[in-house]
Protein backbone atom coordinates (compact mmCIF):
# COMPACT_ATOMS: atom_id res chain seq x y z
CA UNK A 1 0.00 0.00 0.00
CA UNK A 2 1.47 3.30 -1.10
CA UNK A 3 0.49 6.46 0.72
CA UNK A 4 -0.50 9.42 -1.39
CA UNK A 5 2.05 12.19 -1.05
CA UNK A 6 1.31 15.86 -0.67
CA UNK A 7 2.61 18.03 -3.46
CA UNK A 8 4.72 20.25 -1.21
CA UNK A 9 8.51 20.27 -1.27
CA UNK A 10 9.03 18.90 2.22
CA UNK A 11 6.79 15.86 1.79
CA UNK A 12 8.42 14.94 -1.54
CA UNK A 13 11.89 15.41 -0.06
CA UNK A 14 11.03 13.31 3.00
CA UNK A 15 9.42 10.64 0.84
CA UNK A 16 12.50 10.41 -1.37
CA UNK A 17 14.78 10.20 1.66
CA UNK A 18 12.69 7.33 3.06
CA UNK A 19 13.01 5.50 -0.27
CA UNK A 20 16.75 6.05 -0.79
CA UNK A 21 17.80 2.41 -0.26
CA UNK A 22 15.20 1.20 -2.78
CA UNK A 23 16.06 3.90 -5.30
CA UNK A 24 19.78 3.26 -4.87
CA UNK A 25 19.32 -0.47 -5.46
CA UNK A 26 17.29 0.21 -8.60
CA UNK A 27 19.91 2.62 -10.01
CA UNK A 28 22.78 0.26 -9.13
CA UNK A 29 21.13 -2.78 -10.71
CA UNK A 30 20.05 -0.80 -13.78
CA UNK A 31 23.59 0.41 -14.43
CA UNK A 32 25.30 -2.66 -12.99
CA UNK A 33 27.80 -0.79 -10.86
CA UNK A 34 27.57 0.85 -7.45
CA UNK A 35 29.54 4.06 -8.05
CA UNK A 36 27.81 4.86 -11.33
CA UNK A 37 24.44 3.97 -9.81
CA UNK A 38 25.07 6.47 -7.00
CA UNK A 39 26.01 9.14 -9.53
CA UNK A 40 22.86 8.48 -11.59
CA UNK A 41 20.68 8.58 -8.48
CA UNK A 42 22.24 11.87 -7.41
CA UNK A 43 21.50 13.46 -10.78
CA UNK A 44 17.94 12.15 -10.73
CA UNK A 45 17.22 13.37 -7.21
CA UNK A 46 18.52 16.85 -8.02
CA UNK A 47 16.35 16.94 -11.11
CA UNK A 48 13.28 15.64 -9.27
CA UNK A 49 13.60 18.22 -6.51
CA UNK A 50 14.18 21.02 -9.02
CA UNK A 51 11.23 19.90 -11.15
CA UNK A 52 8.88 18.63 -8.48
CA UNK A 53 6.04 20.55 -10.12
CA UNK A 54 6.00 17.67 -12.65
CA UNK A 55 4.89 15.28 -9.91
CA UNK A 56 1.21 14.46 -10.44
CA UNK A 57 -0.93 14.22 -7.34
CA UNK A 58 -2.19 10.68 -6.82
CA UNK A 59 0.83 9.05 -8.44
CA UNK A 60 2.70 6.84 -5.98
CA UNK A 61 5.98 8.62 -5.25
CA UNK A 62 8.05 5.46 -5.67
CA UNK A 63 6.62 4.84 -9.17
CA UNK A 64 7.50 8.41 -10.16
CA UNK A 65 11.01 8.09 -8.73
CA UNK A 66 11.70 4.74 -10.42
CA UNK A 67 10.40 6.13 -13.71
CA UNK A 68 12.62 9.22 -13.42
CA UNK A 69 15.69 7.04 -12.75
CA UNK A 70 14.88 4.87 -15.75
CA UNK A 71 14.13 7.88 -17.97
CA UNK A 72 17.41 9.65 -17.17
CA UNK A 73 19.42 6.44 -17.56
CA UNK A 74 17.84 5.82 -20.97
CA UNK A 75 18.45 9.42 -22.03
CA UNK A 76 22.09 9.27 -21.00
CA UNK A 77 22.53 5.87 -22.63
CA UNK A 78 21.24 7.23 -25.93
CA UNK A 79 23.75 10.08 -25.72
CA UNK A 80 26.67 7.72 -25.06
CA UNK A 81 29.12 7.06 -27.90
CA UNK A 82 28.86 3.26 -27.49
CA UNK A 83 25.52 2.54 -25.78
CA UNK A 84 25.75 -1.25 -26.09
CA UNK A 85 29.11 -1.35 -24.31
CA UNK A 86 27.90 1.14 -21.69
CA UNK A 87 24.90 -1.04 -20.84
CA UNK A 88 26.96 -4.12 -19.83
CA UNK A 89 28.21 -4.35 -16.26
CA UNK A 90 31.47 -5.99 -15.25
CA UNK A 91 30.89 -9.38 -13.60
CA UNK A 92 32.90 -8.63 -10.45
CA UNK A 93 31.37 -5.21 -9.77
CA UNK A 94 27.86 -6.46 -10.45
CA UNK A 95 28.30 -9.41 -8.08
CA UNK A 96 29.48 -7.01 -5.35
CA UNK A 97 26.13 -5.18 -5.58
CA UNK A 98 24.54 -8.19 -3.97
CA UNK A 99 27.38 -9.43 -1.77
CA UNK A 100 27.66 -6.10 0.07
CA UNK A 101 23.92 -5.64 0.60
CA UNK A 102 23.17 -9.11 1.93
CA UNK A 103 24.26 -10.58 5.25
CA UNK A 104 24.34 -14.01 3.66
CA UNK A 105 26.50 -14.85 0.67
CA UNK A 106 24.81 -14.18 -2.65
CA UNK A 107 24.81 -16.95 -5.23
CA UNK A 108 27.53 -16.12 -7.79
CA UNK A 109 25.67 -18.00 -10.55
CA UNK A 110 22.57 -15.87 -10.00
CA UNK A 111 24.58 -12.64 -9.91
CA UNK A 112 26.37 -13.64 -13.11
CA UNK A 113 23.07 -14.48 -14.78
CA UNK A 114 21.52 -11.16 -13.75
CA UNK A 115 24.62 -9.28 -14.85
CA UNK A 116 24.39 -10.74 -18.34
CA UNK A 117 20.75 -9.81 -18.80
CA UNK A 118 19.93 -6.69 -20.80
CA UNK A 119 19.30 -3.76 -18.42
CA UNK A 120 15.61 -3.63 -19.33
CA UNK A 121 15.17 -7.26 -18.23
CA UNK A 122 17.19 -6.67 -15.04
CA UNK A 123 15.12 -3.62 -14.14
CA UNK A 124 11.88 -5.45 -14.96
CA UNK A 125 12.85 -8.36 -12.69
CA UNK A 126 13.73 -5.96 -9.88
CA UNK A 127 10.51 -3.98 -10.18
CA UNK A 128 8.21 -7.02 -10.37
CA UNK A 129 9.94 -9.42 -7.99
CA UNK A 130 12.06 -7.10 -5.85
CA UNK A 131 9.60 -4.23 -5.47
CA UNK A 132 6.38 -6.20 -5.93
CA UNK A 133 4.97 -4.02 -8.71
CA UNK A 134 2.38 -5.58 -10.96
CA UNK A 135 2.96 -5.69 -14.71
CA UNK A 136 0.94 -2.55 -15.29
CA UNK A 137 2.85 -0.43 -12.75
CA UNK A 138 6.20 -1.82 -13.92
CA UNK A 139 5.18 -0.93 -17.46
CA UNK A 140 4.40 2.64 -16.40
CA UNK A 141 7.83 2.96 -14.79
CA UNK A 142 9.59 1.48 -17.83
CA UNK A 143 7.41 3.33 -20.34
CA UNK A 144 6.18 0.08 -21.85
CA UNK A 145 3.07 -2.06 -21.92
CA UNK A 146 2.21 -4.80 -19.42
CA UNK A 147 2.62 -7.24 -22.31
CA UNK A 148 6.20 -6.02 -22.83
CA UNK A 149 6.87 -6.48 -19.12
CA UNK A 150 5.53 -10.04 -19.32
CA UNK A 151 7.63 -10.73 -22.44
CA UNK A 152 10.79 -9.50 -20.69
CA UNK A 153 10.07 -11.75 -17.72
CA UNK A 154 9.50 -14.71 -20.05
CA UNK A 155 12.80 -14.04 -21.86
CA UNK A 156 14.64 -13.73 -18.55
CA UNK A 157 13.03 -16.93 -17.26
CA UNK A 158 13.90 -18.81 -20.46
CA UNK A 159 17.47 -17.52 -20.26
CA UNK A 160 17.75 -18.68 -16.68
CA UNK A 161 16.36 -22.09 -17.56
CA UNK A 162 18.88 -22.38 -20.41
CA UNK A 163 21.74 -21.30 -18.21
CA UNK A 164 20.85 -23.52 -15.26
CA UNK A 165 19.96 -26.54 -17.30
CA UNK A 166 22.44 -26.11 -20.16
CA UNK A 167 19.98 -28.09 -22.24
CA UNK A 168 18.28 -29.93 -19.35
CA UNK A 169 14.52 -30.27 -19.33
CA UNK A 170 12.76 -27.66 -17.20
CA UNK A 171 9.02 -28.17 -16.74
CA UNK A 172 7.03 -25.44 -18.48
CA UNK A 173 4.91 -25.00 -15.37
CA UNK A 174 8.02 -24.08 -13.33
CA UNK A 175 8.79 -21.25 -15.73
CA UNK A 176 5.24 -19.96 -15.98
CA UNK A 177 4.60 -20.14 -12.22
CA UNK A 178 7.38 -17.60 -11.61
CA UNK A 179 6.20 -15.08 -14.18
CA UNK A 180 2.96 -13.89 -12.71
CA UNK A 181 2.38 -12.11 -9.44
CA UNK A 182 -0.05 -13.78 -7.06
CA UNK A 183 -3.55 -13.91 -8.47
CA UNK A 184 -2.64 -12.93 -12.01
CA UNK A 185 -1.61 -16.45 -13.12
CA UNK A 186 -5.23 -17.54 -12.80
CA UNK A 187 -6.24 -14.54 -14.91
CA UNK A 188 -3.60 -15.49 -17.48
CA UNK A 189 -4.80 -19.12 -17.55
CA UNK A 190 -8.41 -18.03 -18.06
CA UNK A 191 -7.38 -15.73 -20.92
CA UNK A 192 -5.74 -18.60 -22.82
C-alpha atoms as a PDB file:
ATOM      1  CA  UNK A   1       0.000   0.000   0.000  1.00  0.00           C
ATOM      2  CA  UNK A   2       1.471   3.301  -1.103  1.00  0.00           C
ATOM      3  CA  UNK A   3       0.495   6.455   0.723  1.00  0.00           C
ATOM      4  CA  UNK A   4      -0.496   9.417  -1.393  1.00  0.00           C
ATOM      5  CA  UNK A   5       2.048  12.193  -1.054  1.00  0.00           C
ATOM      6  CA  UNK A   6       1.312  15.856  -0.669  1.00  0.00           C
ATOM      7  CA  UNK A   7       2.609  18.030  -3.455  1.00  0.00           C
ATOM      8  CA  UNK A   8       4.719  20.254  -1.205  1.00  0.00           C
ATOM      9  CA  UNK A   9       8.506  20.268  -1.266  1.00  0.00           C
ATOM     10  CA  UNK A  10       9.028  18.901   2.223  1.00  0.00           C
ATOM     11  CA  UNK A  11       6.793  15.860   1.788  1.00  0.00           C
ATOM     12  CA  UNK A  12       8.416  14.940  -1.538  1.00  0.00           C
ATOM     13  CA  UNK A  13      11.894  15.408  -0.063  1.00  0.00           C
ATOM     14  CA  UNK A  14      11.026  13.306   3.005  1.00  0.00           C
ATOM     15  CA  UNK A  15       9.422  10.640   0.836  1.00  0.00           C
ATOM     16  CA  UNK A  16      12.502  10.408  -1.365  1.00  0.00           C
ATOM     17  CA  UNK A  17      14.780  10.200   1.663  1.00  0.00           C
ATOM     18  CA  UNK A  18      12.694   7.334   3.058  1.00  0.00           C
ATOM     19  CA  UNK A  19      13.009   5.497  -0.275  1.00  0.00           C
ATOM     20  CA  UNK A  20      16.746   6.054  -0.787  1.00  0.00           C
ATOM     21  CA  UNK A  21      17.796   2.415  -0.256  1.00  0.00           C
ATOM     22  CA  UNK A  22      15.202   1.201  -2.777  1.00  0.00           C
ATOM     23  CA  UNK A  23      16.058   3.903  -5.296  1.00  0.00           C
ATOM     24  CA  UNK A  24      19.778   3.255  -4.867  1.00  0.00           C
ATOM     25  CA  UNK A  25      19.318  -0.469  -5.461  1.00  0.00           C
ATOM     26  CA  UNK A  26      17.290   0.212  -8.605  1.00  0.00           C
ATOM     27  CA  UNK A  27      19.910   2.621 -10.012  1.00  0.00           C
ATOM     28  CA  UNK A  28      22.775   0.255  -9.133  1.00  0.00           C
ATOM     29  CA  UNK A  29      21.127  -2.779 -10.712  1.00  0.00           C
ATOM     30  CA  UNK A  30      20.050  -0.804 -13.776  1.00  0.00           C
ATOM     31  CA  UNK A  31      23.594   0.411 -14.429  1.00  0.00           C
ATOM     32  CA  UNK A  32      25.296  -2.658 -12.995  1.00  0.00           C
ATOM     33  CA  UNK A  33      27.800  -0.793 -10.864  1.00  0.00           C
ATOM     34  CA  UNK A  34      27.574   0.850  -7.448  1.00  0.00           C
ATOM     35  CA  UNK A  35      29.545   4.062  -8.048  1.00  0.00           C
ATOM     36  CA  UNK A  36      27.806   4.859 -11.335  1.00  0.00           C
ATOM     37  CA  UNK A  37      24.439   3.972  -9.805  1.00  0.00           C
ATOM     38  CA  UNK A  38      25.067   6.469  -7.002  1.00  0.00           C
ATOM     39  CA  UNK A  39      26.006   9.143  -9.534  1.00  0.00           C
ATOM     40  CA  UNK A  40      22.861   8.485 -11.591  1.00  0.00           C
ATOM     41  CA  UNK A  41      20.678   8.582  -8.483  1.00  0.00           C
ATOM     42  CA  UNK A  42      22.244  11.865  -7.406  1.00  0.00           C
ATOM     43  CA  UNK A  43      21.503  13.460 -10.782  1.00  0.00           C
ATOM     44  CA  UNK A  44      17.936  12.145 -10.734  1.00  0.00           C
ATOM     45  CA  UNK A  45      17.222  13.374  -7.209  1.00  0.00           C
ATOM     46  CA  UNK A  46      18.520  16.854  -8.022  1.00  0.00           C
ATOM     47  CA  UNK A  47      16.349  16.941 -11.112  1.00  0.00           C
ATOM     48  CA  UNK A  48      13.278  15.641  -9.272  1.00  0.00           C
ATOM     49  CA  UNK A  49      13.602  18.222  -6.513  1.00  0.00           C
ATOM     50  CA  UNK A  50      14.175  21.023  -9.019  1.00  0.00           C
ATOM     51  CA  UNK A  51      11.229  19.898 -11.150  1.00  0.00           C
ATOM     52  CA  UNK A  52       8.877  18.626  -8.478  1.00  0.00           C
ATOM     53  CA  UNK A  53       6.042  20.554 -10.123  1.00  0.00           C
ATOM     54  CA  UNK A  54       5.999  17.665 -12.649  1.00  0.00           C
ATOM     55  CA  UNK A  55       4.891  15.276  -9.909  1.00  0.00           C
ATOM     56  CA  UNK A  56       1.214  14.460 -10.444  1.00  0.00           C
ATOM     57  CA  UNK A  57      -0.933  14.216  -7.338  1.00  0.00           C
ATOM     58  CA  UNK A  58      -2.186  10.681  -6.822  1.00  0.00           C
ATOM     59  CA  UNK A  59       0.835   9.053  -8.443  1.00  0.00           C
ATOM     60  CA  UNK A  60       2.703   6.836  -5.976  1.00  0.00           C
ATOM     61  CA  UNK A  61       5.984   8.616  -5.252  1.00  0.00           C
ATOM     62  CA  UNK A  62       8.053   5.457  -5.666  1.00  0.00           C
ATOM     63  CA  UNK A  63       6.621   4.840  -9.171  1.00  0.00           C
ATOM     64  CA  UNK A  64       7.495   8.409 -10.157  1.00  0.00           C
ATOM     65  CA  UNK A  65      11.012   8.094  -8.731  1.00  0.00           C
ATOM     66  CA  UNK A  66      11.702   4.743 -10.418  1.00  0.00           C
ATOM     67  CA  UNK A  67      10.398   6.129 -13.713  1.00  0.00           C
ATOM     68  CA  UNK A  68      12.623   9.218 -13.419  1.00  0.00           C
ATOM     69  CA  UNK A  69      15.693   7.039 -12.755  1.00  0.00           C
ATOM     70  CA  UNK A  70      14.882   4.870 -15.755  1.00  0.00           C
ATOM     71  CA  UNK A  71      14.132   7.876 -17.966  1.00  0.00           C
ATOM     72  CA  UNK A  72      17.410   9.648 -17.174  1.00  0.00           C
ATOM     73  CA  UNK A  73      19.416   6.436 -17.559  1.00  0.00           C
ATOM     74  CA  UNK A  74      17.843   5.817 -20.973  1.00  0.00           C
ATOM     75  CA  UNK A  75      18.447   9.425 -22.034  1.00  0.00           C
ATOM     76  CA  UNK A  76      22.094   9.273 -21.001  1.00  0.00           C
ATOM     77  CA  UNK A  77      22.528   5.869 -22.630  1.00  0.00           C
ATOM     78  CA  UNK A  78      21.241   7.226 -25.926  1.00  0.00           C
ATOM     79  CA  UNK A  79      23.749  10.076 -25.723  1.00  0.00           C
ATOM     80  CA  UNK A  80      26.668   7.720 -25.061  1.00  0.00           C
ATOM     81  CA  UNK A  81      29.123   7.064 -27.897  1.00  0.00           C
ATOM     82  CA  UNK A  82      28.863   3.261 -27.491  1.00  0.00           C
ATOM     83  CA  UNK A  83      25.524   2.539 -25.782  1.00  0.00           C
ATOM     84  CA  UNK A  84      25.749  -1.255 -26.090  1.00  0.00           C
ATOM     85  CA  UNK A  85      29.110  -1.346 -24.306  1.00  0.00           C
ATOM     86  CA  UNK A  86      27.904   1.138 -21.686  1.00  0.00           C
ATOM     87  CA  UNK A  87      24.902  -1.044 -20.835  1.00  0.00           C
ATOM     88  CA  UNK A  88      26.960  -4.125 -19.833  1.00  0.00           C
ATOM     89  CA  UNK A  89      28.214  -4.349 -16.255  1.00  0.00           C
ATOM     90  CA  UNK A  90      31.470  -5.992 -15.247  1.00  0.00           C
ATOM     91  CA  UNK A  91      30.891  -9.382 -13.596  1.00  0.00           C
ATOM     92  CA  UNK A  92      32.897  -8.634 -10.449  1.00  0.00           C
ATOM     93  CA  UNK A  93      31.372  -5.207  -9.774  1.00  0.00           C
ATOM     94  CA  UNK A  94      27.859  -6.464 -10.448  1.00  0.00           C
ATOM     95  CA  UNK A  95      28.297  -9.408  -8.077  1.00  0.00           C
ATOM     96  CA  UNK A  96      29.477  -7.012  -5.348  1.00  0.00           C
ATOM     97  CA  UNK A  97      26.135  -5.180  -5.580  1.00  0.00           C
ATOM     98  CA  UNK A  98      24.541  -8.195  -3.969  1.00  0.00           C
ATOM     99  CA  UNK A  99      27.377  -9.431  -1.773  1.00  0.00           C
ATOM    100  CA  UNK A 100      27.661  -6.096   0.070  1.00  0.00           C
ATOM    101  CA  UNK A 101      23.920  -5.642   0.599  1.00  0.00           C
ATOM    102  CA  UNK A 102      23.172  -9.110   1.929  1.00  0.00           C
ATOM    103  CA  UNK A 103      24.264 -10.576   5.251  1.00  0.00           C
ATOM    104  CA  UNK A 104      24.340 -14.008   3.662  1.00  0.00           C
ATOM    105  CA  UNK A 105      26.498 -14.848   0.668  1.00  0.00           C
ATOM    106  CA  UNK A 106      24.808 -14.182  -2.651  1.00  0.00           C
ATOM    107  CA  UNK A 107      24.815 -16.951  -5.235  1.00  0.00           C
ATOM    108  CA  UNK A 108      27.534 -16.120  -7.788  1.00  0.00           C
ATOM    109  CA  UNK A 109      25.672 -18.002 -10.546  1.00  0.00           C
ATOM    110  CA  UNK A 110      22.565 -15.866  -9.998  1.00  0.00           C
ATOM    111  CA  UNK A 111      24.585 -12.640  -9.914  1.00  0.00           C
ATOM    112  CA  UNK A 112      26.375 -13.637 -13.106  1.00  0.00           C
ATOM    113  CA  UNK A 113      23.071 -14.484 -14.782  1.00  0.00           C
ATOM    114  CA  UNK A 114      21.517 -11.159 -13.751  1.00  0.00           C
ATOM    115  CA  UNK A 115      24.621  -9.277 -14.853  1.00  0.00           C
ATOM    116  CA  UNK A 116      24.386 -10.742 -18.343  1.00  0.00           C
ATOM    117  CA  UNK A 117      20.746  -9.810 -18.800  1.00  0.00           C
ATOM    118  CA  UNK A 118      19.934  -6.693 -20.800  1.00  0.00           C
ATOM    119  CA  UNK A 119      19.302  -3.763 -18.415  1.00  0.00           C
ATOM    120  CA  UNK A 120      15.608  -3.634 -19.327  1.00  0.00           C
ATOM    121  CA  UNK A 121      15.167  -7.258 -18.230  1.00  0.00           C
ATOM    122  CA  UNK A 122      17.187  -6.667 -15.041  1.00  0.00           C
ATOM    123  CA  UNK A 123      15.116  -3.622 -14.143  1.00  0.00           C
ATOM    124  CA  UNK A 124      11.876  -5.449 -14.961  1.00  0.00           C
ATOM    125  CA  UNK A 125      12.846  -8.357 -12.686  1.00  0.00           C
ATOM    126  CA  UNK A 126      13.731  -5.964  -9.882  1.00  0.00           C
ATOM    127  CA  UNK A 127      10.507  -3.975 -10.185  1.00  0.00           C
ATOM    128  CA  UNK A 128       8.214  -7.017 -10.374  1.00  0.00           C
ATOM    129  CA  UNK A 129       9.941  -9.422  -7.986  1.00  0.00           C
ATOM    130  CA  UNK A 130      12.060  -7.103  -5.846  1.00  0.00           C
ATOM    131  CA  UNK A 131       9.603  -4.230  -5.472  1.00  0.00           C
ATOM    132  CA  UNK A 132       6.380  -6.202  -5.926  1.00  0.00           C
ATOM    133  CA  UNK A 133       4.972  -4.023  -8.713  1.00  0.00           C
ATOM    134  CA  UNK A 134       2.382  -5.582 -10.961  1.00  0.00           C
ATOM    135  CA  UNK A 135       2.960  -5.689 -14.713  1.00  0.00           C
ATOM    136  CA  UNK A 136       0.938  -2.546 -15.295  1.00  0.00           C
ATOM    137  CA  UNK A 137       2.852  -0.427 -12.752  1.00  0.00           C
ATOM    138  CA  UNK A 138       6.204  -1.817 -13.915  1.00  0.00           C
ATOM    139  CA  UNK A 139       5.176  -0.932 -17.462  1.00  0.00           C
ATOM    140  CA  UNK A 140       4.402   2.641 -16.402  1.00  0.00           C
ATOM    141  CA  UNK A 141       7.832   2.963 -14.794  1.00  0.00           C
ATOM    142  CA  UNK A 142       9.589   1.480 -17.829  1.00  0.00           C
ATOM    143  CA  UNK A 143       7.407   3.332 -20.336  1.00  0.00           C
ATOM    144  CA  UNK A 144       6.179   0.082 -21.855  1.00  0.00           C
ATOM    145  CA  UNK A 145       3.075  -2.056 -21.919  1.00  0.00           C
ATOM    146  CA  UNK A 146       2.214  -4.799 -19.419  1.00  0.00           C
ATOM    147  CA  UNK A 147       2.625  -7.238 -22.306  1.00  0.00           C
ATOM    148  CA  UNK A 148       6.199  -6.024 -22.834  1.00  0.00           C
ATOM    149  CA  UNK A 149       6.874  -6.482 -19.122  1.00  0.00           C
ATOM    150  CA  UNK A 150       5.530 -10.044 -19.323  1.00  0.00           C
ATOM    151  CA  UNK A 151       7.627 -10.734 -22.436  1.00  0.00           C
ATOM    152  CA  UNK A 152      10.788  -9.498 -20.690  1.00  0.00           C
ATOM    153  CA  UNK A 153      10.068 -11.750 -17.722  1.00  0.00           C
ATOM    154  CA  UNK A 154       9.501 -14.705 -20.047  1.00  0.00           C
ATOM    155  CA  UNK A 155      12.799 -14.040 -21.858  1.00  0.00           C
ATOM    156  CA  UNK A 156      14.640 -13.729 -18.546  1.00  0.00           C
ATOM    157  CA  UNK A 157      13.025 -16.925 -17.257  1.00  0.00           C
ATOM    158  CA  UNK A 158      13.896 -18.805 -20.456  1.00  0.00           C
ATOM    159  CA  UNK A 159      17.471 -17.518 -20.261  1.00  0.00           C
ATOM    160  CA  UNK A 160      17.750 -18.677 -16.676  1.00  0.00           C
ATOM    161  CA  UNK A 161      16.360 -22.095 -17.562  1.00  0.00           C
ATOM    162  CA  UNK A 162      18.879 -22.379 -20.410  1.00  0.00           C
ATOM    163  CA  UNK A 163      21.744 -21.295 -18.210  1.00  0.00           C
ATOM    164  CA  UNK A 164      20.846 -23.515 -15.262  1.00  0.00           C
ATOM    165  CA  UNK A 165      19.956 -26.540 -17.303  1.00  0.00           C
ATOM    166  CA  UNK A 166      22.439 -26.112 -20.156  1.00  0.00           C
ATOM    167  CA  UNK A 167      19.979 -28.086 -22.236  1.00  0.00           C
ATOM    168  CA  UNK A 168      18.282 -29.931 -19.352  1.00  0.00           C
ATOM    169  CA  UNK A 169      14.518 -30.266 -19.327  1.00  0.00           C
ATOM    170  CA  UNK A 170      12.760 -27.660 -17.203  1.00  0.00           C
ATOM    171  CA  UNK A 171       9.017 -28.173 -16.741  1.00  0.00           C
ATOM    172  CA  UNK A 172       7.034 -25.436 -18.482  1.00  0.00           C
ATOM    173  CA  UNK A 173       4.910 -25.004 -15.367  1.00  0.00           C
ATOM    174  CA  UNK A 174       8.018 -24.076 -13.334  1.00  0.00           C
ATOM    175  CA  UNK A 175       8.794 -21.251 -15.725  1.00  0.00           C
ATOM    176  CA  UNK A 176       5.242 -19.955 -15.976  1.00  0.00           C
ATOM    177  CA  UNK A 177       4.601 -20.137 -12.220  1.00  0.00           C
ATOM    178  CA  UNK A 178       7.378 -17.601 -11.609  1.00  0.00           C
ATOM    179  CA  UNK A 179       6.198 -15.083 -14.180  1.00  0.00           C
ATOM    180  CA  UNK A 180       2.956 -13.888 -12.712  1.00  0.00           C
ATOM    181  CA  UNK A 181       2.378 -12.106  -9.436  1.00  0.00           C
ATOM    182  CA  UNK A 182      -0.052 -13.781  -7.061  1.00  0.00           C
ATOM    183  CA  UNK A 183      -3.547 -13.906  -8.470  1.00  0.00           C
ATOM    184  CA  UNK A 184      -2.640 -12.931 -12.009  1.00  0.00           C
ATOM    185  CA  UNK A 185      -1.610 -16.451 -13.115  1.00  0.00           C
ATOM    186  CA  UNK A 186      -5.225 -17.539 -12.799  1.00  0.00           C
ATOM    187  CA  UNK A 187      -6.244 -14.542 -14.912  1.00  0.00           C
ATOM    188  CA  UNK A 188      -3.600 -15.490 -17.481  1.00  0.00           C
ATOM    189  CA  UNK A 189      -4.798 -19.125 -17.548  1.00  0.00           C
ATOM    190  CA  UNK A 190      -8.407 -18.034 -18.064  1.00  0.00           C
ATOM    191  CA  UNK A 191      -7.381 -15.732 -20.917  1.00  0.00           C
ATOM    192  CA  UNK A 192      -5.745 -18.598 -22.817  1.00  0.00           C
END
